[in-house]
Amino acid sequence: MYDKLPVPGRNDACWCGSGRKYKKCHAAEDDRLDQLYHTGEEVLPRSLIKTAADVEGIKASAAVNMGVLDYVGEHICAGTTTMDINRWVEEYLSAHDAVSADLNFEGYPFSVCTSINDVVCHGFPDENAVLRDGDIINVDMSTIKGGYFSDSSRMYCIGEVSPERKRLVDVCHESVKAGLAAVKPWGHLGDVGAAVHQVALDAGFSVVEEYGGHGIGCEFHEDPFVSFTSEAGTGPILMPGMCFTIEPMVNAGDPDIYIDRGNGWVVRTVDGSDSAQWEVQLVVTDTGYELLSW
């Protein structure tokens, strides 16, 4: 819900902490948001807007997050267990004065999510889960450093994967790029999801509806929820300073999923088809977006 908070005097320091006068900083933007709200548009709380200092803090966290994924990419191979990946993550984070945002989040028991083949998301690291030639795996990494949160994930192809699996991984990646291209300040968040969805549909794939992206930065999961089956021209206004993730889960078969009843976390495709996911984190700018973590 839009919060029409008290604003400074026009010659007072701006609320964002920039040190500039309010009239030279956020006054025009606040007026525009207020006008949009009164025309019936969905406007998110101003408290979700990230300041320049926030963005710098997120970047420091993201540098570690991406470093972990780079390390995984350099070492992952057939014979690696997903628990090996969990150990790599914990060792890297410890060496860089950071911690996992995943660990103990709502009871999640590991420092990273490792999702192989038909696992859509939240795959548990396991000593007995040994990667084999031809597997595809998503490694989803979330980091806290200096009180700021970063989040991104990558797909890794193990050895020689089938053309079908390689195409799924590539199409999912292209859908993320399409979502990024749809990020326009003062546009709608639904434009992003619609662009992602269309790429997957055009390729003959489906997109999971139940899970999506999210706001992030000062907390792990902030508003808004980012759907990847949304309609263009709908959803919240893309305000400069909004920080969120684009992370579609694209299935080779049907979009239907189920959660493992034994652990309450691991999500799989109902039809056993493969699933792929890439995740990036961005902040909306006055001219487009800045990619923070990938």
Protein backbone atom coordinates (compact mmCIF):
# COMPACT_ATOMS: atom_id res chain seq x y z
CA MET A 1 0.00 0.00 0.00
CA TYR A 2 1.21 3.48 -0.89
CA ASP A 3 2.36 5.46 2.12
CA LYS A 4 1.91 9.21 1.74
CA LEU A 5 4.57 10.07 4.30
CA PRO A 6 5.40 13.58 5.52
CA VAL A 7 7.91 15.21 3.21
CA PRO A 8 10.60 17.79 4.00
CA GLY A 9 10.30 21.44 3.13
CA ARG A 10 11.45 22.16 -0.41
CA ASN A 11 14.69 23.71 0.83
CA ASP A 12 15.30 21.06 3.51
CA ALA A 13 17.55 18.06 3.07
CA CYS A 14 15.90 15.25 1.10
CA TRP A 15 14.57 12.25 3.01
CA CYS A 16 16.81 9.90 0.99
CA GLY A 17 20.02 11.03 2.69
CA SER A 18 21.63 12.42 -0.46
CA GLY A 19 22.38 15.74 1.25
CA ARG A 20 20.65 17.62 -1.58
CA LYS A 21 17.70 19.93 -1.10
CA TYR A 22 14.38 18.11 -1.37
CA LYS A 23 13.27 20.28 -4.31
CA LYS A 24 16.40 19.26 -6.23
CA CYS A 25 16.15 15.59 -5.32
CA HIS A 26 12.94 13.59 -4.75
CA ALA A 27 10.26 16.33 -4.77
CA ALA A 28 9.22 15.88 -8.41
CA GLU A 29 9.31 12.09 -8.10
CA ASP A 30 7.16 12.12 -4.97
CA ASP A 31 4.65 14.40 -6.71
CA ARG A 32 4.50 12.04 -9.67
CA LEU A 33 3.92 9.00 -7.45
CA ASP A 34 1.19 10.83 -5.61
CA GLN A 35 -0.53 11.69 -8.88
CA LEU A 36 -0.27 8.10 -10.10
CA TYR A 37 -1.75 6.82 -6.87
CA HIS A 38 -4.73 9.12 -7.20
CA THR A 39 -5.39 7.87 -10.74
CA GLY A 40 -5.71 4.32 -9.38
CA GLU A 41 -2.23 3.00 -10.08
CA GLU A 42 -0.58 0.62 -7.61
CA VAL A 43 2.22 2.54 -5.90
CA LEU A 44 4.49 0.78 -3.43
CA PRO A 45 5.59 2.27 -0.10
CA ARG A 46 8.32 4.87 -0.33
CA SER A 47 10.16 2.92 2.37
CA LEU A 48 11.05 0.33 -0.28
CA ILE A 49 13.06 2.84 -2.32
CA LYS A 50 16.79 2.20 -1.94
CA THR A 51 19.07 5.15 -1.32
CA ALA A 52 22.50 5.53 -2.90
CA ALA A 53 24.04 4.27 0.36
CA ASP A 54 21.74 1.24 0.30
CA VAL A 55 22.75 0.40 -3.25
CA GLU A 56 26.44 0.56 -2.36
CA GLY A 57 25.81 -1.78 0.57
CA ILE A 58 23.91 -4.20 -1.65
CA LYS A 59 26.73 -4.15 -4.19
CA ALA A 60 29.25 -5.15 -1.50
CA SER A 61 27.01 -8.06 -0.55
CA ALA A 62 26.48 -8.97 -4.20
CA ALA A 63 30.22 -9.05 -4.88
CA VAL A 64 30.48 -11.90 -2.38
CA ASN A 65 27.35 -13.61 -3.70
CA MET A 66 28.65 -13.60 -7.26
CA GLY A 67 32.08 -14.66 -6.05
CA VAL A 68 30.56 -17.78 -4.54
CA LEU A 69 28.81 -18.64 -7.80
CA ASP A 70 32.03 -18.02 -9.76
CA TYR A 71 33.82 -20.41 -7.40
CA VAL A 72 31.14 -23.04 -7.87
CA GLY A 73 31.42 -22.68 -11.64
CA GLU A 74 35.17 -23.22 -11.49
CA HIS A 75 34.93 -26.41 -9.42
CA ILE A 76 31.62 -28.15 -10.13
CA CYS A 77 31.83 -31.31 -12.24
CA ALA A 78 30.60 -34.88 -12.47
CA GLY A 79 31.31 -36.53 -9.12
CA THR A 80 30.64 -33.38 -7.10
CA THR A 81 28.01 -33.85 -4.41
CA THR A 82 25.55 -31.12 -3.62
CA MET A 83 26.85 -31.16 -0.04
CA ASP A 84 30.27 -30.31 -1.48
CA ILE A 85 28.64 -27.17 -2.89
CA ASN A 86 27.19 -26.33 0.52
CA ARG A 87 30.66 -26.63 2.07
CA TRP A 88 32.22 -24.43 -0.62
CA VAL A 89 29.57 -21.80 0.06
CA GLU A 90 30.12 -21.79 3.81
CA GLU A 91 33.91 -21.62 3.46
CA TYR A 92 33.74 -18.78 0.91
CA LEU A 93 31.28 -16.75 2.97
CA SER A 94 33.35 -17.19 6.13
CA ALA A 95 36.47 -16.00 4.31
CA HIS A 96 34.65 -12.87 3.10
CA ASP A 97 32.99 -11.75 6.36
CA ALA A 98 29.52 -12.70 5.16
CA VAL A 99 26.80 -15.21 6.01
CA SER A 100 24.15 -17.12 4.11
CA ALA A 101 20.68 -15.57 3.99
CA ASP A 102 19.26 -19.04 3.27
CA LEU A 103 20.52 -20.74 6.42
CA ASN A 104 17.71 -20.98 8.99
CA PHE A 105 15.42 -18.74 6.92
CA GLU A 106 11.96 -19.97 7.95
CA GLY A 107 13.67 -23.18 9.03
CA TYR A 108 15.64 -23.89 5.84
CA PRO A 109 18.55 -26.04 7.08
CA PHE A 110 21.31 -25.33 4.54
CA SER A 111 23.40 -22.42 3.25
CA VAL A 112 22.44 -22.80 -0.42
CA CYS A 113 19.77 -24.37 -2.64
CA THR A 114 20.92 -27.02 -5.14
CA SER A 115 18.19 -28.07 -7.60
CA ILE A 116 18.96 -30.86 -10.07
CA ASN A 117 17.00 -31.70 -13.25
CA ASP A 118 13.31 -31.99 -12.26
CA VAL A 119 13.80 -30.10 -8.97
CA VAL A 120 12.25 -26.68 -9.52
CA CYS A 121 13.69 -24.94 -6.46
CA HIS A 122 14.82 -25.34 -2.82
CA GLY A 123 16.81 -28.48 -3.51
CA PHE A 124 18.58 -29.76 -0.38
CA PRO A 125 22.35 -30.32 -0.41
CA ASP A 126 22.98 -34.02 0.17
CA GLU A 127 26.12 -36.16 0.49
CA ASN A 128 24.35 -38.81 -1.58
CA ALA A 129 23.32 -36.47 -4.40
CA VAL A 130 26.23 -36.98 -6.80
CA LEU A 131 26.23 -34.97 -10.01
CA ARG A 132 26.46 -37.04 -13.16
CA ASP A 133 27.42 -36.28 -16.72
CA GLY A 134 24.37 -34.79 -18.46
CA ASP A 135 22.75 -33.27 -15.35
CA ILE A 136 21.65 -29.66 -15.11
CA ILE A 137 21.68 -27.94 -11.73
CA ASN A 138 20.59 -24.59 -10.37
CA VAL A 139 22.66 -23.17 -7.52
CA ASP A 140 20.71 -20.43 -5.73
CA MET A 141 22.87 -18.23 -3.54
CA SER A 142 21.80 -15.51 -1.08
CA THR A 143 24.23 -13.47 1.03
CA ILE A 144 24.11 -11.08 3.95
CA LYS A 145 27.05 -8.71 4.33
CA GLY A 146 27.07 -5.47 6.29
CA GLY A 147 23.34 -5.88 6.93
CA TYR A 148 22.50 -5.93 3.20
CA PHE A 149 21.02 -8.80 1.20
CA SER A 150 21.94 -10.05 -2.26
CA ASP A 151 20.47 -12.94 -4.23
CA SER A 152 21.19 -14.61 -7.57
CA SER A 153 21.36 -18.06 -9.09
CA ARG A 154 22.93 -19.76 -12.07
CA MET A 155 22.46 -22.93 -14.07
CA TYR A 156 25.39 -25.29 -14.53
CA CYS A 157 25.53 -27.98 -17.22
CA ILE A 158 27.49 -31.03 -16.07
CA GLY A 159 29.60 -32.54 -18.83
CA GLU A 160 27.75 -33.21 -22.08
CA VAL A 161 24.07 -32.43 -21.61
CA SER A 162 21.35 -33.32 -24.11
CA PRO A 163 20.30 -30.73 -26.69
CA GLU A 164 16.88 -30.61 -25.01
CA ARG A 165 18.34 -29.73 -21.62
CA LYS A 166 20.75 -27.21 -23.12
CA ARG A 167 17.86 -25.51 -24.93
CA LEU A 168 15.81 -25.31 -21.72
CA VAL A 169 18.72 -23.69 -19.88
CA ASP A 170 19.33 -21.23 -22.71
CA VAL A 171 15.66 -20.27 -23.15
CA CYS A 172 15.32 -19.62 -19.43
CA HIS A 173 18.36 -17.34 -19.61
CA GLU A 174 16.88 -15.51 -22.60
CA SER A 175 13.64 -15.02 -20.68
CA VAL A 176 15.54 -13.25 -17.91
CA LYS A 177 17.15 -10.97 -20.49
CA ALA A 178 13.71 -10.18 -21.87
CA GLY A 179 12.50 -9.34 -18.38
CA LEU A 180 15.42 -6.99 -17.87
CA ALA A 181 14.72 -5.25 -21.18
CA ALA A 182 11.17 -4.58 -19.96
CA VAL A 183 12.33 -2.72 -16.84
CA LYS A 184 11.43 0.91 -17.52
CA PRO A 185 11.08 3.56 -14.81
CA TRP A 186 7.43 4.55 -14.44
CA GLY A 187 6.35 1.42 -16.30
CA HIS A 188 4.59 -1.52 -14.67
CA LEU A 189 6.06 -4.55 -12.95
CA GLY A 190 3.64 -6.71 -14.93
CA ASP A 191 5.55 -5.75 -18.08
CA VAL A 192 8.55 -7.66 -16.74
CA GLY A 193 6.66 -10.86 -16.02
CA ALA A 194 4.82 -10.73 -19.33
CA ALA A 195 8.09 -10.43 -21.25
CA VAL A 196 9.61 -13.36 -19.37
CA HIS A 197 6.53 -15.50 -19.91
CA GLN A 198 6.32 -14.84 -23.63
CA VAL A 199 9.86 -16.07 -24.29
CA ALA A 200 9.15 -19.33 -22.49
CA LEU A 201 5.79 -19.83 -24.21
CA ASP A 202 7.26 -19.13 -27.65
CA ALA A 203 9.77 -21.91 -27.01
CA GLY A 204 7.05 -24.39 -26.05
CA PHE A 205 7.86 -24.32 -22.34
CA SER A 206 5.84 -23.34 -19.27
CA VAL A 207 6.48 -21.02 -16.32
CA VAL A 208 5.79 -21.84 -12.68
CA GLU A 209 3.09 -19.58 -11.25
CA GLU A 210 3.42 -20.25 -7.53
CA TYR A 211 6.96 -18.89 -7.13
CA GLY A 212 8.47 -15.68 -8.39
CA GLY A 213 10.86 -12.85 -7.69
CA HIS A 214 10.74 -10.45 -4.79
CA GLY A 215 11.92 -7.15 -3.45
CA ILE A 216 15.23 -7.39 -1.61
CA GLY A 217 18.03 -5.30 -0.15
CA CYS A 218 17.43 -4.31 3.44
CA GLU A 219 15.56 -7.58 4.07
CA PHE A 220 15.75 -10.96 2.33
CA HIS A 221 12.19 -10.91 1.02
CA GLU A 222 10.51 -7.53 0.60
CA ASP A 223 7.54 -6.41 -1.44
CA PRO A 224 6.69 -6.68 -4.25
CA PHE A 225 6.09 -10.28 -5.34
CA VAL A 226 7.34 -10.55 -8.93
CA SER A 227 5.13 -12.83 -11.00
CA PHE A 228 6.40 -14.29 -14.26
CA THR A 229 2.94 -15.04 -15.59
CA SER A 230 1.65 -11.46 -15.22
CA GLU A 231 -0.01 -9.28 -17.83
CA ALA A 232 1.64 -6.22 -19.33
CA GLY A 233 0.35 -2.92 -18.01
CA THR A 234 -0.55 -4.36 -14.60
CA GLY A 235 1.03 -4.37 -11.17
CA PRO A 236 3.01 -1.77 -9.23
CA ILE A 237 4.67 1.22 -10.83
CA LEU A 238 8.40 0.69 -11.34
CA MET A 239 9.78 3.45 -9.11
CA PRO A 240 13.42 4.47 -9.41
CA GLY A 241 15.13 2.95 -6.39
CA MET A 242 13.05 -0.26 -6.38
CA CYS A 243 15.28 -3.30 -5.93
CA PHE A 244 14.01 -6.76 -6.85
CA THR A 245 14.89 -10.10 -8.44
CA ILE A 246 13.97 -11.65 -11.77
CA GLU A 247 14.08 -15.44 -11.32
CA PRO A 248 11.69 -17.42 -13.51
CA MET A 249 11.37 -21.17 -13.11
CA VAL A 250 10.85 -22.55 -16.60
CA ASN A 251 9.64 -26.14 -17.04
CA ALA A 252 10.18 -28.29 -20.10
CA GLY A 253 6.73 -29.80 -19.56
CA ASP A 254 3.68 -28.67 -17.62
CA PRO A 255 3.87 -25.88 -15.01
CA ASP A 256 2.42 -28.05 -12.23
CA ILE A 257 4.62 -28.57 -9.19
CA TYR A 258 4.53 -30.27 -5.80
CA ILE A 259 6.42 -29.87 -2.53
CA ASP A 260 8.15 -32.86 -0.94
CA ARG A 261 5.99 -33.82 2.04
CA GLY A 262 8.95 -35.33 3.83
CA ASN A 263 10.89 -32.09 4.24
CA GLY A 264 8.36 -29.41 3.28
CA TRP A 265 10.85 -27.60 1.06
CA VAL A 266 12.02 -29.34 -2.11
CA VAL A 267 9.81 -28.47 -5.10
CA ARG A 268 9.57 -30.79 -8.14
CA THR A 269 7.66 -30.90 -11.41
CA VAL A 270 4.59 -33.12 -11.24
CA ASP A 271 5.25 -34.67 -14.66
CA GLY A 272 8.96 -35.27 -13.96
CA SER A 273 10.08 -32.86 -16.66
CA ASP A 274 13.24 -30.80 -16.27
CA SER A 275 13.17 -27.28 -14.85
CA ALA A 276 15.62 -24.40 -15.16
CA GLN A 277 16.05 -21.12 -13.30
CA TRP A 278 18.33 -18.12 -13.55
CA GLU A 279 18.14 -15.26 -11.08
CA VAL A 280 19.41 -11.69 -11.18
CA GLN A 281 18.99 -8.75 -8.80
CA LEU A 282 18.55 -5.18 -10.03
CA VAL A 283 17.67 -1.67 -8.97
CA VAL A 284 15.45 0.55 -11.11
CA THR A 285 17.18 3.80 -12.13
CA ASP A 286 16.00 7.05 -13.71
CA THR A 287 16.89 5.70 -17.15
CA GLY A 288 16.41 1.94 -16.83
CA TYR A 289 18.05 -0.40 -14.38
CA GLU A 290 21.39 -1.33 -12.86
CA LEU A 291 22.23 -5.01 -12.51
CA LEU A 292 23.53 -5.72 -9.00
CA SER A 293 23.87 -9.50 -8.71
CA TRP A 294 23.88 -12.27 -11.32
